[in-house]
């Protein structure tokens, strides 16, 4: 079955770290760009980070220097390492591919609070 399976997330204190994972099934992982989006409460979904097929990486200004996106083509998995977390990072996080993105799933809740 062609799908993405997200894992990780949860509750972290300000300044803490979390790692999200997204595993791909049923398609040639290395043929796609892989992205992370997030949707804060009562806000629009926004792009957080992307890593292209060629390895080019881009981040939203709000997470530069704190988040790290990476991919492991051998494991069909990509990751979002989130460091120095802030309350404003609280959101539902989503992974997806590009082109031919999947319909948005339930995502992973990340809550940053003391």
PDB file of N, CA and C in Angstrom:
ATOM      1  N   UNK A   1       0.852  -1.201   0.000  1.00  0.00           N
ATOM      2  CA  UNK A   1       0.000   0.000   0.000  1.00  0.00           C
ATOM      3  C   UNK A   1       0.879   1.238   0.000  1.00  0.00           C
ATOM      4  N   UNK A   2       0.554   2.207  -0.848  1.00  0.00           N
ATOM      5  CA  UNK A   2       1.319   3.437  -0.936  1.00  0.00           C
ATOM      6  C   UNK A   2       0.890   4.364   0.195  1.00  0.00           C
ATOM      7  N   UNK A   3       1.793   4.672   1.066  1.00  0.00           N
ATOM      8  CA  UNK A   3       1.429   5.523   2.198  1.00  0.00           C
ATOM      9  C   UNK A   3       2.670   6.059   2.890  1.00  0.00           C
ATOM     10  N   UNK A   4       2.409   7.020   3.771  1.00  0.00           N
ATOM     11  CA  UNK A   4       3.429   7.572   4.648  1.00  0.00           C
ATOM     12  C   UNK A   4       2.990   7.293   6.077  1.00  0.00           C
ATOM     13  N   UNK A   5       3.928   6.918   6.923  1.00  0.00           N
ATOM     14  CA  UNK A   5       3.623   6.642   8.326  1.00  0.00           C
ATOM     15  C   UNK A   5       4.482   7.543   9.189  1.00  0.00           C
ATOM     16  N   UNK A   6       3.829   8.433   9.916  1.00  0.00           N
ATOM     17  CA  UNK A   6       4.529   9.404  10.761  1.00  0.00           C
ATOM     18  C   UNK A   6       4.652   8.858  12.176  1.00  0.00           C
ATOM     19  N   UNK A   7       5.733   9.252  12.846  1.00  0.00           N
ATOM     20  CA  UNK A   7       5.900   8.871  14.250  1.00  0.00           C
ATOM     21  C   UNK A   7       6.752   9.913  14.958  1.00  0.00           C
ATOM     22  N   UNK A   8       6.747   9.833  16.275  1.00  0.00           N
ATOM     23  CA  UNK A   8       7.484  10.787  17.087  1.00  0.00           C
ATOM     24  C   UNK A   8       6.535  11.828  17.649  1.00  0.00           C
ATOM     25  N   UNK A   9       7.067  12.973  17.983  1.00  0.00           N
ATOM     26  CA  UNK A   9       6.234  14.038  18.515  1.00  0.00           C
ATOM     27  C   UNK A   9       5.929  13.847  19.986  1.00  0.00           C
ATOM     28  N   UNK A  10       4.957  14.609  20.477  1.00  0.00           N
ATOM     29  CA  UNK A  10       4.591  14.547  21.885  1.00  0.00           C
ATOM     30  C   UNK A  10       4.780  15.879  22.572  1.00  0.00           C
ATOM     31  N   UNK A  11       5.100  15.802  23.855  1.00  0.00           N
ATOM     32  CA  UNK A  11       5.228  16.995  24.689  1.00  0.00           C
ATOM     33  C   UNK A  11       6.698  17.249  24.996  1.00  0.00           C
ATOM     34  N   UNK A  12       7.116  18.488  24.866  1.00  0.00           N
ATOM     35  CA  UNK A  12       8.474  18.879  25.218  1.00  0.00           C
ATOM     36  C   UNK A  12       8.441  20.201  25.960  1.00  0.00           C
ATOM     37  N   UNK A  13       9.427  20.413  26.792  1.00  0.00           N
ATOM     38  CA  UNK A  13       9.563  21.699  27.471  1.00  0.00           C
ATOM     39  C   UNK A  13      10.266  22.695  26.558  1.00  0.00           C
ATOM     40  N   UNK A  14      10.045  23.962  26.747  1.00  0.00           N
ATOM     41  CA  UNK A  14      10.803  24.960  25.988  1.00  0.00           C
ATOM     42  C   UNK A  14      12.300  24.711  26.135  1.00  0.00           C
ATOM     43  N   UNK A  15      12.997  24.757  25.003  1.00  0.00           N
ATOM     44  CA  UNK A  15      14.418  24.460  24.984  1.00  0.00           C
ATOM     45  C   UNK A  15      14.732  23.005  24.753  1.00  0.00           C
ATOM     46  N   UNK A  16      13.725  22.169  24.778  1.00  0.00           N
ATOM     47  CA  UNK A  16      13.925  20.735  24.593  1.00  0.00           C
ATOM     48  C   UNK A  16      13.981  20.333  23.141  1.00  0.00           C
ATOM     49  N   UNK A  17      14.025  19.018  22.939  1.00  0.00           N
ATOM     50  CA  UNK A  17      14.150  18.463  21.590  1.00  0.00           C
ATOM     51  C   UNK A  17      13.156  17.326  21.380  1.00  0.00           C
ATOM     52  N   UNK A  18      12.778  17.170  20.141  1.00  0.00           N
ATOM     53  CA  UNK A  18      11.965  16.041  19.702  1.00  0.00           C
ATOM     54  C   UNK A  18      12.410  15.657  18.297  1.00  0.00           C
ATOM     55  N   UNK A  19      12.160  14.417  17.917  1.00  0.00           N
ATOM     56  CA  UNK A  19      12.446  13.985  16.559  1.00  0.00           C
ATOM     57  C   UNK A  19      11.211  13.331  15.966  1.00  0.00           C
ATOM     58  N   UNK A  20      10.877  13.783  14.763  1.00  0.00           N
ATOM     59  CA  UNK A  20       9.786  13.203  13.996  1.00  0.00           C
ATOM     60  C   UNK A  20      10.366  12.324  12.903  1.00  0.00           C
ATOM     61  N   UNK A  21       9.658  11.256  12.618  1.00  0.00           N
ATOM     62  CA  UNK A  21      10.056  10.361  11.532  1.00  0.00           C
ATOM     63  C   UNK A  21       8.884  10.167  10.584  1.00  0.00           C
ATOM     64  N   UNK A  22       9.209   9.928   9.340  1.00  0.00           N
ATOM     65  CA  UNK A  22       8.181   9.638   8.348  1.00  0.00           C
ATOM     66  C   UNK A  22       8.717   8.534   7.444  1.00  0.00           C
ATOM     67  N   UNK A  23       8.049   7.411   7.444  1.00  0.00           N
ATOM     68  CA  UNK A  23       8.477   6.274   6.653  1.00  0.00           C
ATOM     69  C   UNK A  23       7.551   6.106   5.459  1.00  0.00           C
ATOM     70  N   UNK A  24       8.170   5.885   4.320  1.00  0.00           N
ATOM     71  CA  UNK A  24       7.427   5.762   3.070  1.00  0.00           C
ATOM     72  C   UNK A  24       7.261   4.299   2.676  1.00  0.00           C
ATOM     73  N   UNK A  25       6.082   3.979   2.184  1.00  0.00           N
ATOM     74  CA  UNK A  25       5.792   2.626   1.732  1.00  0.00           C
ATOM     75  C   UNK A  25       5.196   2.680   0.326  1.00  0.00           C
ATOM     76  N   UNK A  26       5.622   1.768  -0.504  1.00  0.00           N
ATOM     77  CA  UNK A  26       4.940   1.552  -1.765  1.00  0.00           C
ATOM     78  C   UNK A  26       5.342   2.444  -2.927  1.00  0.00           C
ATOM     79  N   UNK A  27       6.380   3.260  -2.763  1.00  0.00           N
ATOM     80  CA  UNK A  27       6.834   4.052  -3.900  1.00  0.00           C
ATOM     81  C   UNK A  27       8.340   4.252  -3.789  1.00  0.00           C
ATOM     82  N   UNK A  28       8.909   4.708  -4.876  1.00  0.00           N
ATOM     83  CA  UNK A  28      10.366   4.877  -4.922  1.00  0.00           C
ATOM     84  C   UNK A  28      10.729   6.168  -4.204  1.00  0.00           C
ATOM     85  N   UNK A  29      11.103   6.021  -2.987  1.00  0.00           N
ATOM     86  CA  UNK A  29      11.358   7.144  -2.078  1.00  0.00           C
ATOM     87  C   UNK A  29      12.343   8.146  -2.657  1.00  0.00           C
ATOM     88  N   UNK A  30      13.397   7.655  -3.250  1.00  0.00           N
ATOM     89  CA  UNK A  30      14.471   8.536  -3.733  1.00  0.00           C
ATOM     90  C   UNK A  30      14.059   9.369  -4.934  1.00  0.00           C
ATOM     91  N   UNK A  31      12.885   9.128  -5.482  1.00  0.00           N
ATOM     92  CA  UNK A  31      12.415   9.877  -6.651  1.00  0.00           C
ATOM     93  C   UNK A  31      11.637  11.133  -6.285  1.00  0.00           C
ATOM     94  N   UNK A  32      11.471  11.405  -5.021  1.00  0.00           N
ATOM     95  CA  UNK A  32      10.634  12.513  -4.572  1.00  0.00           C
ATOM     96  C   UNK A  32      11.397  13.453  -3.640  1.00  0.00           C
ATOM     97  N   UNK A  33      10.947  14.714  -3.660  1.00  0.00           N
ATOM     98  CA  UNK A  33      11.305  15.632  -2.587  1.00  0.00           C
ATOM     99  C   UNK A  33      10.440  15.263  -1.385  1.00  0.00           C
ATOM    100  N   UNK A  34      10.991  15.442  -0.182  1.00  0.00           N
ATOM    101  CA  UNK A  34      10.226  15.132   1.019  1.00  0.00           C
ATOM    102  C   UNK A  34      10.113  16.381   1.870  1.00  0.00           C
ATOM    103  N   UNK A  35       8.943  16.612   2.409  1.00  0.00           N
ATOM    104  CA  UNK A  35       8.674  17.870   3.105  1.00  0.00           C
ATOM    105  C   UNK A  35       8.028  17.624   4.462  1.00  0.00           C
ATOM    106  N   UNK A  36       8.210  18.611   5.330  1.00  0.00           N
ATOM    107  CA  UNK A  36       7.501  18.686   6.602  1.00  0.00           C
ATOM    108  C   UNK A  36       6.710  19.985   6.636  1.00  0.00           C
ATOM    109  N   UNK A  37       5.454  19.891   6.961  1.00  0.00           N
ATOM    110  CA  UNK A  37       4.592  21.047   7.178  1.00  0.00           C
ATOM    111  C   UNK A  37       4.118  21.012   8.631  1.00  0.00           C
ATOM    112  N   UNK A  38       3.578  22.132   9.076  1.00  0.00           N
ATOM    113  CA  UNK A  38       2.928  22.157  10.372  1.00  0.00           C
ATOM    114  C   UNK A  38       1.730  23.107  10.336  1.00  0.00           C
ATOM    115  N   UNK A  39       0.800  22.858  11.215  1.00  0.00           N
ATOM    116  CA  UNK A  39      -0.365  23.719  11.331  1.00  0.00           C
ATOM    117  C   UNK A  39      -0.570  24.057  12.797  1.00  0.00           C
ATOM    118  N   UNK A  40      -0.184  25.279  13.191  1.00  0.00           N
ATOM    119  CA  UNK A  40      -0.410  25.712  14.568  1.00  0.00           C
ATOM    120  C   UNK A  40      -1.901  25.875  14.830  1.00  0.00           C
ATOM    121  N   UNK A  41      -2.285  25.907  16.085  1.00  0.00           N
ATOM    122  CA  UNK A  41      -3.703  26.096  16.410  1.00  0.00           C
ATOM    123  C   UNK A  41      -4.247  27.366  15.774  1.00  0.00           C
ATOM    124  N   UNK A  42      -5.357  27.267  15.101  1.00  0.00           N
ATOM    125  CA  UNK A  42      -6.058  28.404  14.512  1.00  0.00           C
ATOM    126  C   UNK A  42      -5.208  29.140  13.474  1.00  0.00           C
ATOM    127  N   UNK A  43      -4.303  28.413  12.827  1.00  0.00           N
ATOM    128  CA  UNK A  43      -3.478  29.021  11.779  1.00  0.00           C
ATOM    129  C   UNK A  43      -3.444  28.117  10.555  1.00  0.00           C
ATOM    130  N   UNK A  44      -2.910  28.674   9.481  1.00  0.00           N
ATOM    131  CA  UNK A  44      -2.806  27.927   8.238  1.00  0.00           C
ATOM    132  C   UNK A  44      -1.650  26.938   8.320  1.00  0.00           C
ATOM    133  N   UNK A  45      -1.725  25.913   7.506  1.00  0.00           N
ATOM    134  CA  UNK A  45      -0.611  24.971   7.387  1.00  0.00           C
ATOM    135  C   UNK A  45       0.549  25.690   6.712  1.00  0.00           C
ATOM    136  N   UNK A  46       1.758  25.451   7.180  1.00  0.00           N
ATOM    137  CA  UNK A  46       2.928  26.136   6.647  1.00  0.00           C
ATOM    138  C   UNK A  46       4.069  25.152   6.439  1.00  0.00           C
ATOM    139  N   UNK A  47       4.893  25.449   5.452  1.00  0.00           N
ATOM    140  CA  UNK A  47       6.055  24.618   5.182  1.00  0.00           C
ATOM    141  C   UNK A  47       7.116  24.867   6.241  1.00  0.00           C
ATOM    142  N   UNK A  48       7.640  23.802   6.814  1.00  0.00           N
ATOM    143  CA  UNK A  48       8.680  23.907   7.831  1.00  0.00           C
ATOM    144  C   UNK A  48      10.050  23.629   7.230  1.00  0.00           C
ATOM    145  N   UNK A  49      10.146  22.550   6.477  1.00  0.00           N
ATOM    146  CA  UNK A  49      11.439  22.161   5.914  1.00  0.00           C
ATOM    147  C   UNK A  49      11.218  21.234   4.731  1.00  0.00           C
ATOM    148  N   UNK A  50      12.165  21.246   3.825  1.00  0.00           N
ATOM    149  CA  UNK A  50      12.102  20.374   2.671  1.00  0.00           C
ATOM    150  C   UNK A  50      13.495  19.875   2.347  1.00  0.00           C
ATOM    151  N   UNK A  51      13.529  18.666   1.811  1.00  0.00           N
ATOM    152  CA  UNK A  51      14.796  18.104   1.342  1.00  0.00           C
ATOM    153  C   UNK A  51      14.513  17.471  -0.012  1.00  0.00           C
ATOM    154  N   UNK A  52      15.216  17.940  -1.025  1.00  0.00           N
ATOM    155  CA  UNK A  52      14.933  17.509  -2.387  1.00  0.00           C
ATOM    156  C   UNK A  52      15.609  16.182  -2.711  1.00  0.00           C
ATOM    157  N   UNK A  53      15.244  15.656  -3.856  1.00  0.00           N
ATOM    158  CA  UNK A  53      15.861  14.426  -4.336  1.00  0.00           C
ATOM    159  C   UNK A  53      17.371  14.570  -4.446  1.00  0.00           C
ATOM    160  N   UNK A  54      17.790  15.773  -4.794  1.00  0.00           N
ATOM    161  CA  UNK A  54      19.220  16.018  -4.950  1.00  0.00           C
ATOM    162  C   UNK A  54      19.923  16.380  -3.654  1.00  0.00           C
ATOM    163  N   UNK A  55      19.155  16.488  -2.562  1.00  0.00           N
ATOM    164  CA  UNK A  55      19.764  16.785  -1.271  1.00  0.00           C
ATOM    165  C   UNK A  55      19.741  18.247  -0.875  1.00  0.00           C
ATOM    166  N   UNK A  56      19.120  19.096  -1.687  1.00  0.00           N
ATOM    167  CA  UNK A  56      18.997  20.504  -1.311  1.00  0.00           C
ATOM    168  C   UNK A  56      18.019  20.639  -0.160  1.00  0.00           C
ATOM    169  N   UNK A  57      18.393  21.455   0.807  1.00  0.00           N
ATOM    170  CA  UNK A  57      17.588  21.617   2.016  1.00  0.00           C
ATOM    171  C   UNK A  57      17.184  23.070   2.183  1.00  0.00           C
ATOM    172  N   UNK A  58      15.923  23.278   2.536  1.00  0.00           N
ATOM    173  CA  UNK A  58      15.420  24.619   2.824  1.00  0.00           C
ATOM    174  C   UNK A  58      14.579  24.570   4.094  1.00  0.00           C
ATOM    175  N   UNK A  59      14.651  25.667   4.843  1.00  0.00           N
ATOM    176  CA  UNK A  59      13.897  25.768   6.092  1.00  0.00           C
ATOM    177  C   UNK A  59      13.086  27.060   6.102  1.00  0.00           C
ATOM    178  N   UNK A  60      11.989  27.018   6.820  1.00  0.00           N
ATOM    179  CA  UNK A  60      11.280  28.251   7.129  1.00  0.00           C
ATOM    180  C   UNK A  60      12.171  29.093   8.032  1.00  0.00           C
ATOM    181  N   UNK A  61      12.080  30.404   7.887  1.00  0.00           N
ATOM    182  CA  UNK A  61      12.931  31.284   8.691  1.00  0.00           C
ATOM    183  C   UNK A  61      12.740  31.035  10.185  1.00  0.00           C
ATOM    184  N   UNK A  62      11.531  30.683  10.572  1.00  0.00           N
ATOM    185  CA  UNK A  62      11.223  30.523  11.992  1.00  0.00           C
ATOM    186  C   UNK A  62      11.924  29.332  12.646  1.00  0.00           C
ATOM    187  N   UNK A  63      12.429  28.391  11.835  1.00  0.00           N
ATOM    188  CA  UNK A  63      13.064  27.210  12.411  1.00  0.00           C
ATOM    189  C   UNK A  63      14.537  27.081  12.040  1.00  0.00           C
ATOM    190  N   UNK A  64      15.035  27.984  11.221  1.00  0.00           N
ATOM    191  CA  UNK A  64      16.443  27.910  10.808  1.00  0.00           C
ATOM    192  C   UNK A  64      17.358  27.941  12.019  1.00  0.00           C
ATOM    193  N   UNK A  65      18.343  27.048  12.005  1.00  0.00           N
ATOM    194  CA  UNK A  65      19.286  26.970  13.105  1.00  0.00           C
ATOM    195  C   UNK A  65      18.808  26.119  14.259  1.00  0.00           C
ATOM    196  N   UNK A  66      17.556  25.688  14.215  1.00  0.00           N
ATOM    197  CA  UNK A  66      17.008  24.876  15.316  1.00  0.00           C
ATOM    198  C   UNK A  66      16.548  23.511  14.843  1.00  0.00           C
ATOM    199  N   UNK A  67      15.989  23.436  13.657  1.00  0.00           N
ATOM    200  CA  UNK A  67      15.465  22.177  13.124  1.00  0.00           C
ATOM    201  C   UNK A  67      16.421  21.640  12.061  1.00  0.00           C
ATOM    202  N   UNK A  68      16.468  20.326  11.975  1.00  0.00           N
ATOM    203  CA  UNK A  68      17.304  19.671  10.970  1.00  0.00           C
ATOM    204  C   UNK A  68      16.479  18.599  10.275  1.00  0.00           C
ATOM    205  N   UNK A  69      16.400  18.710   8.949  1.00  0.00           N
ATOM    206  CA  UNK A  69      15.720  17.691   8.155  1.00  0.00           C
ATOM    207  C   UNK A  69      16.771  16.789   7.528  1.00  0.00           C
ATOM    208  N   UNK A  70      16.470  15.514   7.489  1.00  0.00           N
ATOM    209  CA  UNK A  70      17.399  14.573   6.871  1.00  0.00           C
ATOM    210  C   UNK A  70      16.596  13.426   6.274  1.00  0.00           C
ATOM    211  N   UNK A  71      17.246  12.692   5.389  1.00  0.00           N
ATOM    212  CA  UNK A  71      16.580  11.552   4.776  1.00  0.00           C
ATOM    213  C   UNK A  71      17.538  10.382   4.712  1.00  0.00           C
ATOM    214  N   UNK A  72      16.980   9.206   4.822  1.00  0.00           N
ATOM    215  CA  UNK A  72      17.749   7.971   4.692  1.00  0.00           C
ATOM    216  C   UNK A  72      17.083   7.157   3.597  1.00  0.00           C
ATOM    217  N   UNK A  73      17.627   7.232   2.395  1.00  0.00           N
ATOM    218  CA  UNK A  73      16.998   6.555   1.262  1.00  0.00           C
ATOM    219  C   UNK A  73      17.008   5.037   1.436  1.00  0.00           C
ATOM    220  N   UNK A  74      17.972   4.530   2.152  1.00  0.00           N
ATOM    221  CA  UNK A  74      18.044   3.080   2.354  1.00  0.00           C
ATOM    222  C   UNK A  74      16.904   2.591   3.241  1.00  0.00           C
ATOM    223  N   UNK A  75      16.425   3.468   4.116  1.00  0.00           N
ATOM    224  CA  UNK A  75      15.332   3.102   5.032  1.00  0.00           C
ATOM    225  C   UNK A  75      14.000   3.689   4.598  1.00  0.00           C
ATOM    226  N   UNK A  76      13.987   4.374   3.452  1.00  0.00           N
ATOM    227  CA  UNK A  76      12.753   5.023   2.992  1.00  0.00           C
ATOM    228  C   UNK A  76      12.144   5.908   4.071  1.00  0.00           C
ATOM    229  N   UNK A  77      12.979   6.615   4.764  1.00  0.00           N
ATOM    230  CA  UNK A  77      12.524   7.395   5.915  1.00  0.00           C
ATOM    231  C   UNK A  77      13.190   8.755   5.903  1.00  0.00           C
ATOM    232  N   UNK A  78      12.464   9.760   6.306  1.00  0.00           N
ATOM    233  CA  UNK A  78      13.085  11.045   6.564  1.00  0.00           C
ATOM    234  C   UNK A  78      12.663  11.543   7.940  1.00  0.00           C
ATOM    235  N   UNK A  79      13.413  12.508   8.428  1.00  0.00           N
ATOM    236  CA  UNK A  79      13.342  12.899   9.822  1.00  0.00           C
ATOM    237  C   UNK A  79      13.287  14.420   9.946  1.00  0.00           C
ATOM    238  N   UNK A  80      12.759  14.845  11.064  1.00  0.00           N
ATOM    239  CA  UNK A  80      12.840  16.251  11.442  1.00  0.00           C
ATOM    240  C   UNK A  80      13.300  16.297  12.885  1.00  0.00           C
ATOM    241  N   UNK A  81      14.554  16.664  13.066  1.00  0.00           N
ATOM    242  CA  UNK A  81      15.101  16.838  14.407  1.00  0.00           C
ATOM    243  C   UNK A  81      14.801  18.269  14.840  1.00  0.00           C
ATOM    244  N   UNK A  82      14.080  18.404  15.931  1.00  0.00           N
ATOM    245  CA  UNK A  82      13.651  19.725  16.393  1.00  0.00           C
ATOM    246  C   UNK A  82      14.339  20.020  17.720  1.00  0.00           C
ATOM    247  N   UNK A  83      15.185  21.020  17.707  1.00  0.00           N
ATOM    248  CA  UNK A  83      15.945  21.427  18.888  1.00  0.00           C
ATOM    249  C   UNK A  83      15.531  22.822  19.322  1.00  0.00           C
ATOM    250  N   UNK A  84      15.909  23.167  20.536  1.00  0.00           N
ATOM    251  CA  UNK A  84      15.609  24.500  21.076  1.00  0.00           C
ATOM    252  C   UNK A  84      14.146  24.854  20.850  1.00  0.00           C
ATOM    253  N   UNK A  85      13.289  23.941  21.185  1.00  0.00           N
ATOM    254  CA  UNK A  85      11.862  24.122  20.916  1.00  0.00           C
ATOM    255  C   UNK A  85      11.293  25.303  21.677  1.00  0.00           C
ATOM    256  N   UNK A  86      10.333  25.945  21.045  1.00  0.00           N
ATOM    257  CA  UNK A  86       9.649  27.106  21.604  1.00  0.00           C
ATOM    258  C   UNK A  86       8.152  26.834  21.666  1.00  0.00           C
ATOM    259  N   UNK A  87       7.450  27.522  22.536  1.00  0.00           N
ATOM    260  CA  UNK A  87       5.990  27.326  22.584  1.00  0.00           C
ATOM    261  C   UNK A  87       5.327  27.541  21.219  1.00  0.00           C
ATOM    262  N   UNK A  88       5.865  28.459  20.437  1.00  0.00           N
ATOM    263  CA  UNK A  88       5.260  28.724  19.127  1.00  0.00           C
ATOM    264  C   UNK A  88       5.505  27.615  18.112  1.00  0.00           C
ATOM    265  N   UNK A  89       6.299  26.615  18.468  1.00  0.00           N
ATOM    266  CA  UNK A  89       6.449  25.429  17.614  1.00  0.00           C
ATOM    267  C   UNK A  89       5.298  24.451  17.817  1.00  0.00           C
ATOM    268  N   UNK A  90       4.464  24.720  18.790  1.00  0.00           N
ATOM    269  CA  UNK A  90       3.312  23.853  19.025  1.00  0.00           C
ATOM    270  C   UNK A  90       2.422  23.828  17.791  1.00  0.00           C
ATOM    271  N   UNK A  91       2.177  22.628  17.288  1.00  0.00           N
ATOM    272  CA  UNK A  91       1.419  22.479  16.049  1.00  0.00           C
ATOM    273  C   UNK A  91       1.212  21.000  15.766  1.00  0.00           C
ATOM    274  N   UNK A  92       0.377  20.724  14.796  1.00  0.00           N
ATOM    275  CA  UNK A  92       0.307  19.390  14.214  1.00  0.00           C
ATOM    276  C   UNK A  92       1.255  19.373  13.028  1.00  0.00           C
ATOM    277  N   UNK A  93       2.147  18.419  13.017  1.00  0.00           N
ATOM    278  CA  UNK A  93       3.169  18.321  11.981  1.00  0.00           C
ATOM    279  C   UNK A  93       2.800  17.219  10.987  1.00  0.00           C
ATOM    280  N   UNK A  94       3.068  17.497   9.723  1.00  0.00           N
ATOM    281  CA  UNK A  94       2.718  16.581   8.655  1.00  0.00           C
ATOM    282  C   UNK A  94       3.925  16.350   7.752  1.00  0.00           C
ATOM    283  N   UNK A  95       4.075  15.135   7.294  1.00  0.00           N
ATOM    284  CA  UNK A  95       5.068  14.873   6.264  1.00  0.00           C
ATOM    285  C   UNK A  95       4.348  14.605   4.948  1.00  0.00           C
ATOM    286  N   UNK A  96       5.039  14.824   3.864  1.00  0.00           N
ATOM    287  CA  UNK A  96       4.452  14.567   2.564  1.00  0.00           C
ATOM    288  C   UNK A  96       5.561  14.515   1.530  1.00  0.00           C
ATOM    289  N   UNK A  97       5.194  14.186   0.333  1.00  0.00           N
ATOM    290  CA  UNK A  97       6.151  14.117  -0.745  1.00  0.00           C
ATOM    291  C   UNK A  97       5.769  15.146  -1.812  1.00  0.00           C
ATOM    292  N   UNK A  98       6.692  15.370  -2.721  1.00  0.00           N
ATOM    293  CA  UNK A  98       6.453  16.309  -3.813  1.00  0.00           C
ATOM    294  C   UNK A  98       7.277  15.866  -4.981  1.00  0.00           C
ATOM    295  N   UNK A  99       6.704  15.722  -6.169  1.00  0.00           N
ATOM    296  CA  UNK A  99       5.326  16.016  -6.551  1.00  0.00           C
ATOM    297  C   UNK A  99       4.376  14.895  -6.142  1.00  0.00           C
ATOM    298  N   UNK A 100       3.154  15.021  -6.571  1.00  0.00           N
ATOM    299  CA  UNK A 100       2.105  14.035  -6.298  1.00  0.00           C
ATOM    300  C   UNK A 100       1.920  13.805  -4.813  1.00  0.00           C
ATOM    301  N   UNK A 101       1.663  14.880  -4.063  1.00  0.00           N
ATOM    302  CA  UNK A 101       1.494  14.713  -2.623  1.00  0.00           C
ATOM    303  C   UNK A 101       0.264  13.886  -2.284  1.00  0.00           C
ATOM    304  N   UNK A 102       0.326  13.241  -1.141  1.00  0.00           N
ATOM    305  CA  UNK A 102      -0.823  12.513  -0.609  1.00  0.00           C
ATOM    306  C   UNK A 102      -1.818  13.503  -0.007  1.00  0.00           C
ATOM    307  N   UNK A 103      -3.051  13.049   0.147  1.00  0.00           N
ATOM    308  CA  UNK A 103      -3.988  13.829   0.954  1.00  0.00           C
ATOM    309  C   UNK A 103      -3.427  13.935   2.365  1.00  0.00           C
ATOM    310  N   UNK A 104      -3.672  15.067   3.001  1.00  0.00           N
ATOM    311  CA  UNK A 104      -3.141  15.259   4.346  1.00  0.00           C
ATOM    312  C   UNK A 104      -3.751  14.258   5.314  1.00  0.00           C
ATOM    313  N   UNK A 105      -2.880  13.652   6.122  1.00  0.00           N
ATOM    314  CA  UNK A 105      -3.339  12.705   7.130  1.00  0.00           C
ATOM    315  C   UNK A 105      -3.620  13.409   8.441  1.00  0.00           C
ATOM    316  N   UNK A 106      -3.580  12.654   9.527  1.00  0.00           N
ATOM    317  CA  UNK A 106      -3.869  13.228  10.849  1.00  0.00           C
ATOM    318  C   UNK A 106      -2.695  14.005  11.397  1.00  0.00           C
ATOM    319  N   UNK A 107      -1.490  13.708  10.926  1.00  0.00           N
ATOM    320  CA  UNK A 107      -0.316  14.402  11.411  1.00  0.00           C
ATOM    321  C   UNK A 107       0.087  13.949  12.804  1.00  0.00           C
ATOM    322  N   UNK A 108       1.090  14.644  13.330  1.00  0.00           N
ATOM    323  CA  UNK A 108       1.628  14.327  14.660  1.00  0.00           C
ATOM    324  C   UNK A 108       1.545  15.583  15.520  1.00  0.00           C
ATOM    325  N   UNK A 109       0.995  15.450  16.687  1.00  0.00           N
ATOM    326  CA  UNK A 109       0.906  16.591  17.587  1.00  0.00           C
ATOM    327  C   UNK A 109       2.244  16.814  18.271  1.00  0.00           C
ATOM    328  N   UNK A 110       2.705  18.047  18.219  1.00  0.00           N
ATOM    329  CA  UNK A 110       3.881  18.485  18.973  1.00  0.00           C
ATOM    330  C   UNK A 110       3.432  19.632  19.857  1.00  0.00           C
ATOM    331  N   UNK A 111       3.641  19.476  21.156  1.00  0.00           N
ATOM    332  CA  UNK A 111       3.269  20.505  22.113  1.00  0.00           C
ATOM    333  C   UNK A 111       4.505  20.908  22.905  1.00  0.00           C
ATOM    334  N   UNK A 112       4.763  22.202  22.914  1.00  0.00           N
ATOM    335  CA  UNK A 112       5.905  22.725  23.658  1.00  0.00           C
ATOM    336  C   UNK A 112       5.363  23.599  24.776  1.00  0.00           C
ATOM    337  N   UNK A 113       5.550  23.129  25.985  1.00  0.00           N
ATOM    338  CA  UNK A 113       4.976  23.833  27.127  1.00  0.00           C
ATOM    339  C   UNK A 113       5.717  23.437  28.386  1.00  0.00           C
ATOM    340  N   UNK A 114       5.797  24.374  29.308  1.00  0.00           N
ATOM    341  CA  UNK A 114       6.403  24.076  30.606  1.00  0.00           C
ATOM    342  C   UNK A 114       5.337  23.631  31.598  1.00  0.00           C
TER     343      UNK A 114
END
